[in-house]
Amino acid sequence: MKKYLIEVESFSPYKGNAFVLVWKGSLQVDLLPFGEISGKSDGVSIDGKGLTAINAPRFQEVYDAGLPEADTEGKQQFKLCTL
């Protein structure tokens, strides 16, 4: 999803946190793990600079609560949590 947002939707990486993207130079969007990957006991790690690891075991409850789904032109589907 992160790669898609950068390459197709013109988001920019945020140098201090690998779980954040910046849209139009000012709006920060947090990419937080949900579903199966969020429940790993050792957390989730991604490539990048700054914050690259997160442990969020309770996100499964949010995921199960019926989040809306998004689709990247039929290539990937994912759930998202809005404010």
Protein backbone atom coordinates (compact mmCIF):
# COMPACT_ATOMS: atom_id res chain seq x y z
CA MET A 1 0.00 0.00 0.00
CA LYS A 2 2.81 2.40 0.89
CA LYS A 3 4.51 1.85 -2.46
CA TYR A 4 1.22 2.43 -4.30
CA LEU A 5 0.54 5.69 -2.45
CA ILE A 6 4.02 7.01 -3.23
CA GLU A 7 4.23 5.88 -6.86
CA VAL A 8 0.63 6.40 -8.01
CA GLU A 9 -0.99 8.90 -5.64
CA SER A 10 2.02 11.25 -5.22
CA PHE A 11 2.45 10.86 -1.46
CA SER A 12 5.93 11.53 -0.05
CA PRO A 13 7.80 9.53 2.59
CA TYR A 14 8.28 11.19 5.97
CA LYS A 15 11.92 10.98 7.04
CA GLY A 16 11.28 10.70 10.79
CA ASN A 17 8.75 7.86 10.72
CA ALA A 18 8.49 5.03 8.16
CA PHE A 19 4.79 4.57 9.06
CA VAL A 20 3.90 8.12 7.92
CA LEU A 21 3.38 9.53 4.44
CA VAL A 22 2.84 13.18 3.53
CA TRP A 23 0.19 14.26 1.04
CA LYS A 24 0.51 17.54 -0.86
CA GLY A 25 3.46 18.60 1.28
CA SER A 26 1.56 19.11 4.52
CA LEU A 27 -1.01 16.44 5.47
CA GLN A 28 0.48 13.53 7.40
CA VAL A 29 -1.16 10.13 6.98
CA ASP A 30 -0.31 7.33 9.42
CA LEU A 31 -0.03 3.81 7.98
CA LEU A 32 -0.77 1.56 10.93
CA PRO A 33 -0.89 -2.23 10.82
CA PHE A 34 -4.29 -3.91 11.09
CA GLY A 35 -5.43 -7.48 10.80
CA GLU A 36 -3.09 -10.44 10.94
CA ILE A 37 0.15 -8.42 10.83
CA SER A 38 -0.80 -6.26 13.83
CA GLY A 39 -1.14 -9.25 16.16
CA LYS A 40 2.43 -10.49 15.79
CA SER A 41 4.02 -10.74 19.23
CA ASP A 42 7.25 -9.13 18.04
CA GLY A 43 5.47 -6.21 16.32
CA VAL A 44 5.77 -4.98 12.74
CA SER A 45 8.96 -3.69 11.13
CA ILE A 46 9.32 -1.96 7.76
CA ASP A 47 12.19 -0.50 5.78
CA GLY A 48 12.83 3.20 6.12
CA LYS A 49 14.35 5.85 8.35
CA GLY A 50 13.36 6.98 11.80
CA LEU A 51 10.61 4.94 13.46
CA THR A 52 10.57 1.59 11.62
CA ALA A 53 9.01 -0.78 14.18
CA ILE A 54 5.66 -0.75 15.95
CA ASN A 55 3.87 -3.14 18.29
CA ALA A 56 0.10 -2.62 18.21
CA PRO A 57 -1.65 -5.82 19.34
CA ARG A 58 -5.00 -4.14 20.16
CA PHE A 59 -5.55 -2.93 16.59
CA GLN A 60 -7.20 -6.29 15.84
CA GLU A 61 -10.24 -5.10 17.80
CA VAL A 62 -10.51 -2.00 15.62
CA TYR A 63 -10.03 -4.09 12.48
CA ASP A 64 -12.80 -6.48 13.53
CA ALA A 65 -15.21 -3.61 14.25
CA GLY A 66 -16.08 -3.20 10.57
CA LEU A 67 -13.66 -0.77 8.98
CA PRO A 68 -14.37 0.54 5.47
CA GLU A 69 -12.43 -1.12 2.65
CA ALA A 70 -10.36 0.52 -0.08
CA ASP A 71 -9.23 -0.94 -3.40
CA THR A 72 -6.16 0.11 -5.42
CA GLU A 73 -7.51 -0.36 -8.92
CA GLY A 74 -8.19 -4.05 -8.35
CA LYS A 75 -4.58 -4.79 -7.37
CA GLN A 76 -4.85 -4.69 -3.60
CA GLN A 77 -7.64 -4.41 -1.08
CA PHE A 78 -7.21 -3.14 2.44
CA LYS A 79 -9.25 -1.78 5.33
CA LEU A 80 -8.67 1.70 6.66
CA CYS A 81 -9.47 3.58 9.83
CA THR A 82 -10.67 7.15 9.46
CA LEU A 83 -10.61 9.84 12.12
